[in-house]
């Protein structure tokens, strides 16, 4: 990867896509991280496929790299969202954190149910990130879950829930929407 001196984005993307197949997990991890910043639609499927890698850190990096998919056509975006939701439901906590952060940044409401389920995790970081992620959504279910998290045993979870609850109540209020011209 480091030997790509050409500034042609297509050549760089091509080299990175090849690096995703390298036998060394560290090479695959760095390639996934780098591809995430290219915003190349041709990188989406290989990154989604990499979410099934045997190495947790490669899966973590691939999930992180998928957070910039908002620009994609719906079918490609849906493909990536489905994989992130799958990681959120089935993987190691570190990979779940990465998937949760990506889903929060994407803000797609179809992932909301899976995000809400993570609020029951025993992992304080996952509950805190869930509270932060819920701040990107609106609705009664979101407010109810944030109210519950605002009483969490963990202070960082409570703080994140309180901040998200304030954001949800403010940004999704009819008065705020009128002010923003929505």
C-alpha atoms as a PDB file:
ATOM      1  CA  UNK A   1       0.000   0.000   0.000  1.00  0.00           C
ATOM      2  CA  UNK A   2       2.741   2.407   0.951  1.00  0.00           C
ATOM      3  CA  UNK A   3       4.436   1.871  -2.407  1.00  0.00           C
ATOM      4  CA  UNK A   4       1.606   3.486  -4.385  1.00  0.00           C
ATOM      5  CA  UNK A   5       3.214   6.750  -5.451  1.00  0.00           C
ATOM      6  CA  UNK A   6       0.839   7.447  -8.306  1.00  0.00           C
ATOM      7  CA  UNK A   7      -1.685  10.181  -7.562  1.00  0.00           C
ATOM      8  CA  UNK A   8      -4.285   8.704  -9.895  1.00  0.00           C
ATOM      9  CA  UNK A   9      -7.280   7.925  -7.636  1.00  0.00           C
ATOM     10  CA  UNK A  10      -8.336   4.939  -9.749  1.00  0.00           C
ATOM     11  CA  UNK A  11      -4.894   3.353  -9.479  1.00  0.00           C
ATOM     12  CA  UNK A  12      -4.809   3.969  -5.740  1.00  0.00           C
ATOM     13  CA  UNK A  13      -8.295   2.499  -5.301  1.00  0.00           C
ATOM     14  CA  UNK A  14      -7.308  -0.491  -7.415  1.00  0.00           C
ATOM     15  CA  UNK A  15      -4.196  -1.106  -5.288  1.00  0.00           C
ATOM     16  CA  UNK A  16      -6.219  -0.811  -2.087  1.00  0.00           C
ATOM     17  CA  UNK A  17      -8.861  -3.223  -3.363  1.00  0.00           C
ATOM     18  CA  UNK A  18      -6.115  -5.753  -4.100  1.00  0.00           C
ATOM     19  CA  UNK A  19      -4.675  -5.191  -0.618  1.00  0.00           C
ATOM     20  CA  UNK A  20      -8.019  -6.218   0.896  1.00  0.00           C
ATOM     21  CA  UNK A  21      -7.184  -9.748  -0.260  1.00  0.00           C
ATOM     22  CA  UNK A  22      -3.725  -9.850   1.311  1.00  0.00           C
ATOM     23  CA  UNK A  23      -2.999 -12.737   3.676  1.00  0.00           C
ATOM     24  CA  UNK A  24      -1.677 -10.324   6.337  1.00  0.00           C
ATOM     25  CA  UNK A  25      -4.589  -9.048   8.429  1.00  0.00           C
ATOM     26  CA  UNK A  26      -2.762  -5.785   9.144  1.00  0.00           C
ATOM     27  CA  UNK A  27      -2.523  -5.015   5.429  1.00  0.00           C
ATOM     28  CA  UNK A  28      -6.253  -5.751   5.030  1.00  0.00           C
ATOM     29  CA  UNK A  29      -7.034  -3.522   8.029  1.00  0.00           C
ATOM     30  CA  UNK A  30      -5.039  -0.549   6.706  1.00  0.00           C
ATOM     31  CA  UNK A  31      -6.484  -0.998   3.214  1.00  0.00           C
ATOM     32  CA  UNK A  32     -10.020  -0.990   4.653  1.00  0.00           C
ATOM     33  CA  UNK A  33      -9.321   2.139   6.696  1.00  0.00           C
ATOM     34  CA  UNK A  34      -7.843   3.919   3.690  1.00  0.00           C
ATOM     35  CA  UNK A  35     -10.667   2.901   1.355  1.00  0.00           C
ATOM     36  CA  UNK A  36     -13.149   4.393   3.807  1.00  0.00           C
ATOM     37  CA  UNK A  37     -11.807   7.845   3.055  1.00  0.00           C
ATOM     38  CA  UNK A  38     -11.939   7.454  -0.735  1.00  0.00           C
ATOM     39  CA  UNK A  39     -15.743   7.556  -0.985  1.00  0.00           C
ATOM     40  CA  UNK A  40     -15.472   5.208  -3.943  1.00  0.00           C
ATOM     41  CA  UNK A  41     -18.643   3.315  -4.768  1.00  0.00           C
ATOM     42  CA  UNK A  42     -16.542   0.430  -6.106  1.00  0.00           C
ATOM     43  CA  UNK A  43     -15.146  -0.064  -2.586  1.00  0.00           C
ATOM     44  CA  UNK A  44     -18.533  -0.731  -0.966  1.00  0.00           C
ATOM     45  CA  UNK A  45     -18.995  -4.405  -1.865  1.00  0.00           C
ATOM     46  CA  UNK A  46     -15.391  -5.363  -0.998  1.00  0.00           C
ATOM     47  CA  UNK A  47     -15.706  -3.513   2.324  1.00  0.00           C
ATOM     48  CA  UNK A  48     -19.015  -5.230   3.067  1.00  0.00           C
ATOM     49  CA  UNK A  49     -17.400  -8.570   2.219  1.00  0.00           C
ATOM     50  CA  UNK A  50     -14.520  -7.690   4.557  1.00  0.00           C
ATOM     51  CA  UNK A  51     -17.027  -7.410   7.411  1.00  0.00           C
ATOM     52  CA  UNK A  52     -16.933 -11.220   7.372  1.00  0.00           C
ATOM     53  CA  UNK A  53     -13.141 -11.377   7.724  1.00  0.00           C
ATOM     54  CA  UNK A  54     -11.771 -13.844  10.291  1.00  0.00           C
ATOM     55  CA  UNK A  55      -9.897 -11.051  12.062  1.00  0.00           C
ATOM     56  CA  UNK A  56     -11.917  -8.855  14.417  1.00  0.00           C
ATOM     57  CA  UNK A  57      -9.799  -5.745  13.746  1.00  0.00           C
ATOM     58  CA  UNK A  58     -10.270  -6.073  10.007  1.00  0.00           C
ATOM     59  CA  UNK A  59     -14.041  -6.334  10.555  1.00  0.00           C
ATOM     60  CA  UNK A  60     -13.847  -3.312  12.871  1.00  0.00           C
ATOM     61  CA  UNK A  61     -12.033  -1.240  10.224  1.00  0.00           C
ATOM     62  CA  UNK A  62     -14.373  -2.334   7.446  1.00  0.00           C
ATOM     63  CA  UNK A  63     -17.414  -1.353   9.526  1.00  0.00           C
ATOM     64  CA  UNK A  64     -15.868   2.046  10.297  1.00  0.00           C
ATOM     65  CA  UNK A  65     -15.149   2.609   6.630  1.00  0.00           C
ATOM     66  CA  UNK A  66     -18.787   2.086   5.693  1.00  0.00           C
ATOM     67  CA  UNK A  67     -19.970   5.141   7.597  1.00  0.00           C
ATOM     68  CA  UNK A  68     -19.564   7.397   4.544  1.00  0.00           C
ATOM     69  CA  UNK A  69     -22.134   5.657   2.349  1.00  0.00           C
ATOM     70  CA  UNK A  70     -24.857   8.331   2.335  1.00  0.00           C
ATOM     71  CA  UNK A  71     -23.929   9.361  -1.201  1.00  0.00           C
ATOM     72  CA  UNK A  72     -24.554   5.903  -2.637  1.00  0.00           C
ATOM     73  CA  UNK A  73     -27.594   4.771  -4.614  1.00  0.00           C
ATOM     74  CA  UNK A  74     -30.238   3.142  -2.405  1.00  0.00           C
ATOM     75  CA  UNK A  75     -29.477  -0.447  -3.442  1.00  0.00           C
ATOM     76  CA  UNK A  76     -25.770  -0.168  -2.601  1.00  0.00           C
ATOM     77  CA  UNK A  77     -26.513   1.704   0.599  1.00  0.00           C
ATOM     78  CA  UNK A  78     -29.043  -0.924   1.680  1.00  0.00           C
ATOM     79  CA  UNK A  79     -26.467  -3.672   1.068  1.00  0.00           C
ATOM     80  CA  UNK A  80     -23.980  -1.947   3.399  1.00  0.00           C
ATOM     81  CA  UNK A  81     -26.626  -1.069   6.006  1.00  0.00           C
ATOM     82  CA  UNK A  82     -27.781  -4.683   6.191  1.00  0.00           C
ATOM     83  CA  UNK A  83     -24.220  -5.826   6.871  1.00  0.00           C
ATOM     84  CA  UNK A  84     -23.703  -3.186   9.581  1.00  0.00           C
ATOM     85  CA  UNK A  85     -26.938  -4.238  11.276  1.00  0.00           C
ATOM     86  CA  UNK A  86     -25.784  -7.865  11.094  1.00  0.00           C
ATOM     87  CA  UNK A  87     -22.487  -6.933  12.791  1.00  0.00           C
ATOM     88  CA  UNK A  88     -24.402  -5.041  15.440  1.00  0.00           C
ATOM     89  CA  UNK A  89     -26.431  -8.116  16.246  1.00  0.00           C
ATOM     90  CA  UNK A  90     -23.846 -10.875  15.931  1.00  0.00           C
ATOM     91  CA  UNK A  91     -20.266  -9.759  16.479  1.00  0.00           C
ATOM     92  CA  UNK A  92     -17.702  -8.990  19.163  1.00  0.00           C
ATOM     93  CA  UNK A  93     -18.352  -5.847  21.250  1.00  0.00           C
ATOM     94  CA  UNK A  94     -15.491  -3.942  19.607  1.00  0.00           C
ATOM     95  CA  UNK A  95     -16.927  -4.615  16.166  1.00  0.00           C
ATOM     96  CA  UNK A  96     -20.415  -3.740  17.436  1.00  0.00           C
ATOM     97  CA  UNK A  97     -19.036  -0.375  18.573  1.00  0.00           C
ATOM     98  CA  UNK A  98     -17.669   0.278  15.101  1.00  0.00           C
ATOM     99  CA  UNK A  99     -20.929  -0.780  13.423  1.00  0.00           C
ATOM    100  CA  UNK A 100     -22.960   1.324  15.864  1.00  0.00           C
ATOM    101  CA  UNK A 101     -20.839   4.412  15.203  1.00  0.00           C
ATOM    102  CA  UNK A 102     -21.267   3.942  11.457  1.00  0.00           C
ATOM    103  CA  UNK A 103     -25.018   3.398  11.732  1.00  0.00           C
ATOM    104  CA  UNK A 104     -25.338   6.508  13.904  1.00  0.00           C
ATOM    105  CA  UNK A 105     -23.443   8.602  11.382  1.00  0.00           C
ATOM    106  CA  UNK A 106     -25.535   7.266   8.504  1.00  0.00           C
ATOM    107  CA  UNK A 107     -28.730   7.936  10.475  1.00  0.00           C
ATOM    108  CA  UNK A 108     -30.911   5.594   8.443  1.00  0.00           C
ATOM    109  CA  UNK A 109     -34.188   4.921  10.301  1.00  0.00           C
ATOM    110  CA  UNK A 110     -34.306   1.310   9.109  1.00  0.00           C
ATOM    111  CA  UNK A 111     -31.462   0.550  11.541  1.00  0.00           C
ATOM    112  CA  UNK A 112     -33.283   2.062  14.518  1.00  0.00           C
ATOM    113  CA  UNK A 113     -34.710  -1.191  15.932  1.00  0.00           C
ATOM    114  CA  UNK A 114     -31.274  -2.831  15.955  1.00  0.00           C
ATOM    115  CA  UNK A 115     -29.713   0.238  17.570  1.00  0.00           C
ATOM    116  CA  UNK A 116     -32.376   0.262  20.285  1.00  0.00           C
ATOM    117  CA  UNK A 117     -31.695  -3.417  21.073  1.00  0.00           C
ATOM    118  CA  UNK A 118     -28.070  -2.564  21.920  1.00  0.00           C
ATOM    119  CA  UNK A 119     -29.307  -0.378  24.780  1.00  0.00           C
ATOM    120  CA  UNK A 120     -29.770  -3.596  26.786  1.00  0.00           C
ATOM    121  CA  UNK A 121     -26.068  -4.489  26.487  1.00  0.00           C
ATOM    122  CA  UNK A 122     -23.998  -5.109  29.609  1.00  0.00           C
ATOM    123  CA  UNK A 123     -21.196  -3.105  27.982  1.00  0.00           C
ATOM    124  CA  UNK A 124     -21.207   0.518  29.220  1.00  0.00           C
ATOM    125  CA  UNK A 125     -19.542   1.786  26.025  1.00  0.00           C
ATOM    126  CA  UNK A 126     -22.209   0.175  23.848  1.00  0.00           C
ATOM    127  CA  UNK A 127     -25.005   1.668  25.961  1.00  0.00           C
ATOM    128  CA  UNK A 128     -23.342   5.110  25.857  1.00  0.00           C
ATOM    129  CA  UNK A 129     -22.881   4.944  22.099  1.00  0.00           C
ATOM    130  CA  UNK A 130     -26.478   3.777  21.739  1.00  0.00           C
ATOM    131  CA  UNK A 131     -27.608   6.842  23.661  1.00  0.00           C
ATOM    132  CA  UNK A 132     -25.486   9.045  21.388  1.00  0.00           C
ATOM    133  CA  UNK A 133     -26.770   7.287  18.250  1.00  0.00           C
ATOM    134  CA  UNK A 134     -30.391   7.702  19.290  1.00  0.00           C
ATOM    135  CA  UNK A 135     -29.846  11.465  19.205  1.00  0.00           C
ATOM    136  CA  UNK A 136     -29.917  11.161  15.391  1.00  0.00           C
ATOM    137  CA  UNK A 137     -33.503   9.914  15.378  1.00  0.00           C
ATOM    138  CA  UNK A 138     -36.915  11.011  16.582  1.00  0.00           C
ATOM    139  CA  UNK A 139     -40.114   9.400  17.806  1.00  0.00           C
ATOM    140  CA  UNK A 140     -41.736   8.104  20.951  1.00  0.00           C
ATOM    141  CA  UNK A 141     -39.743   4.879  21.000  1.00  0.00           C
ATOM    142  CA  UNK A 142     -36.498   6.868  20.804  1.00  0.00           C
ATOM    143  CA  UNK A 143     -37.553   9.209  23.606  1.00  0.00           C
ATOM    144  CA  UNK A 144     -38.700   6.288  25.773  1.00  0.00           C
ATOM    145  CA  UNK A 145     -35.370   4.475  25.336  1.00  0.00           C
ATOM    146  CA  UNK A 146     -33.414   7.664  26.060  1.00  0.00           C
ATOM    147  CA  UNK A 147     -35.504   8.252  29.197  1.00  0.00           C
ATOM    148  CA  UNK A 148     -34.642   4.743  30.355  1.00  0.00           C
ATOM    149  CA  UNK A 149     -30.939   5.252  29.574  1.00  0.00           C
ATOM    150  CA  UNK A 150     -30.951   8.567  31.450  1.00  0.00           C
ATOM    151  CA  UNK A 151     -31.437   6.458  34.594  1.00  0.00           C
ATOM    152  CA  UNK A 152     -28.583   4.059  33.749  1.00  0.00           C
ATOM    153  CA  UNK A 153     -26.119   2.942  36.424  1.00  0.00           C
ATOM    154  CA  UNK A 154     -23.215   4.374  34.377  1.00  0.00           C
ATOM    155  CA  UNK A 155     -22.688   8.153  34.557  1.00  0.00           C
ATOM    156  CA  UNK A 156     -21.351   8.436  30.964  1.00  0.00           C
ATOM    157  CA  UNK A 157     -24.443   6.588  29.694  1.00  0.00           C
ATOM    158  CA  UNK A 158     -26.745   8.907  31.680  1.00  0.00           C
ATOM    159  CA  UNK A 159     -24.934  11.996  30.354  1.00  0.00           C
ATOM    160  CA  UNK A 160     -25.108  10.803  26.740  1.00  0.00           C
ATOM    161  CA  UNK A 161     -28.795   9.940  27.132  1.00  0.00           C
ATOM    162  CA  UNK A 162     -29.583  13.345  28.638  1.00  0.00           C
ATOM    163  CA  UNK A 163     -27.737  15.147  25.827  1.00  0.00           C
ATOM    164  CA  UNK A 164     -29.445  13.096  23.138  1.00  0.00           C
ATOM    165  CA  UNK A 165     -32.829  13.538  24.767  1.00  0.00           C
ATOM    166  CA  UNK A 166     -32.356  17.315  24.804  1.00  0.00           C
ATOM    167  CA  UNK A 167     -31.271  17.218  21.159  1.00  0.00           C
ATOM    168  CA  UNK A 168     -34.209  15.058  20.102  1.00  0.00           C
ATOM    169  CA  UNK A 169     -36.701  17.232  21.925  1.00  0.00           C
ATOM    170  CA  UNK A 170     -35.209  20.412  20.469  1.00  0.00           C
ATOM    171  CA  UNK A 171     -34.267  19.506  16.894  1.00  0.00           C
ATOM    172  CA  UNK A 172     -37.329  17.440  16.172  1.00  0.00           C
ATOM    173  CA  UNK A 173     -39.783  19.856  17.786  1.00  0.00           C
ATOM    174  CA  UNK A 174     -42.344  21.504  15.481  1.00  0.00           C
ATOM    175  CA  UNK A 175     -41.069  24.980  16.443  1.00  0.00           C
ATOM    176  CA  UNK A 176     -37.474  24.122  15.494  1.00  0.00           C
ATOM    177  CA  UNK A 177     -38.585  22.566  12.209  1.00  0.00           C
ATOM    178  CA  UNK A 178     -40.552  25.744  11.354  1.00  0.00           C
ATOM    179  CA  UNK A 179     -37.496  27.874  12.142  1.00  0.00           C
ATOM    180  CA  UNK A 180     -35.369  25.718   9.852  1.00  0.00           C
ATOM    181  CA  UNK A 181     -37.942  25.988   7.062  1.00  0.00           C
ATOM    182  CA  UNK A 182     -38.870  22.324   7.031  1.00  0.00           C
END
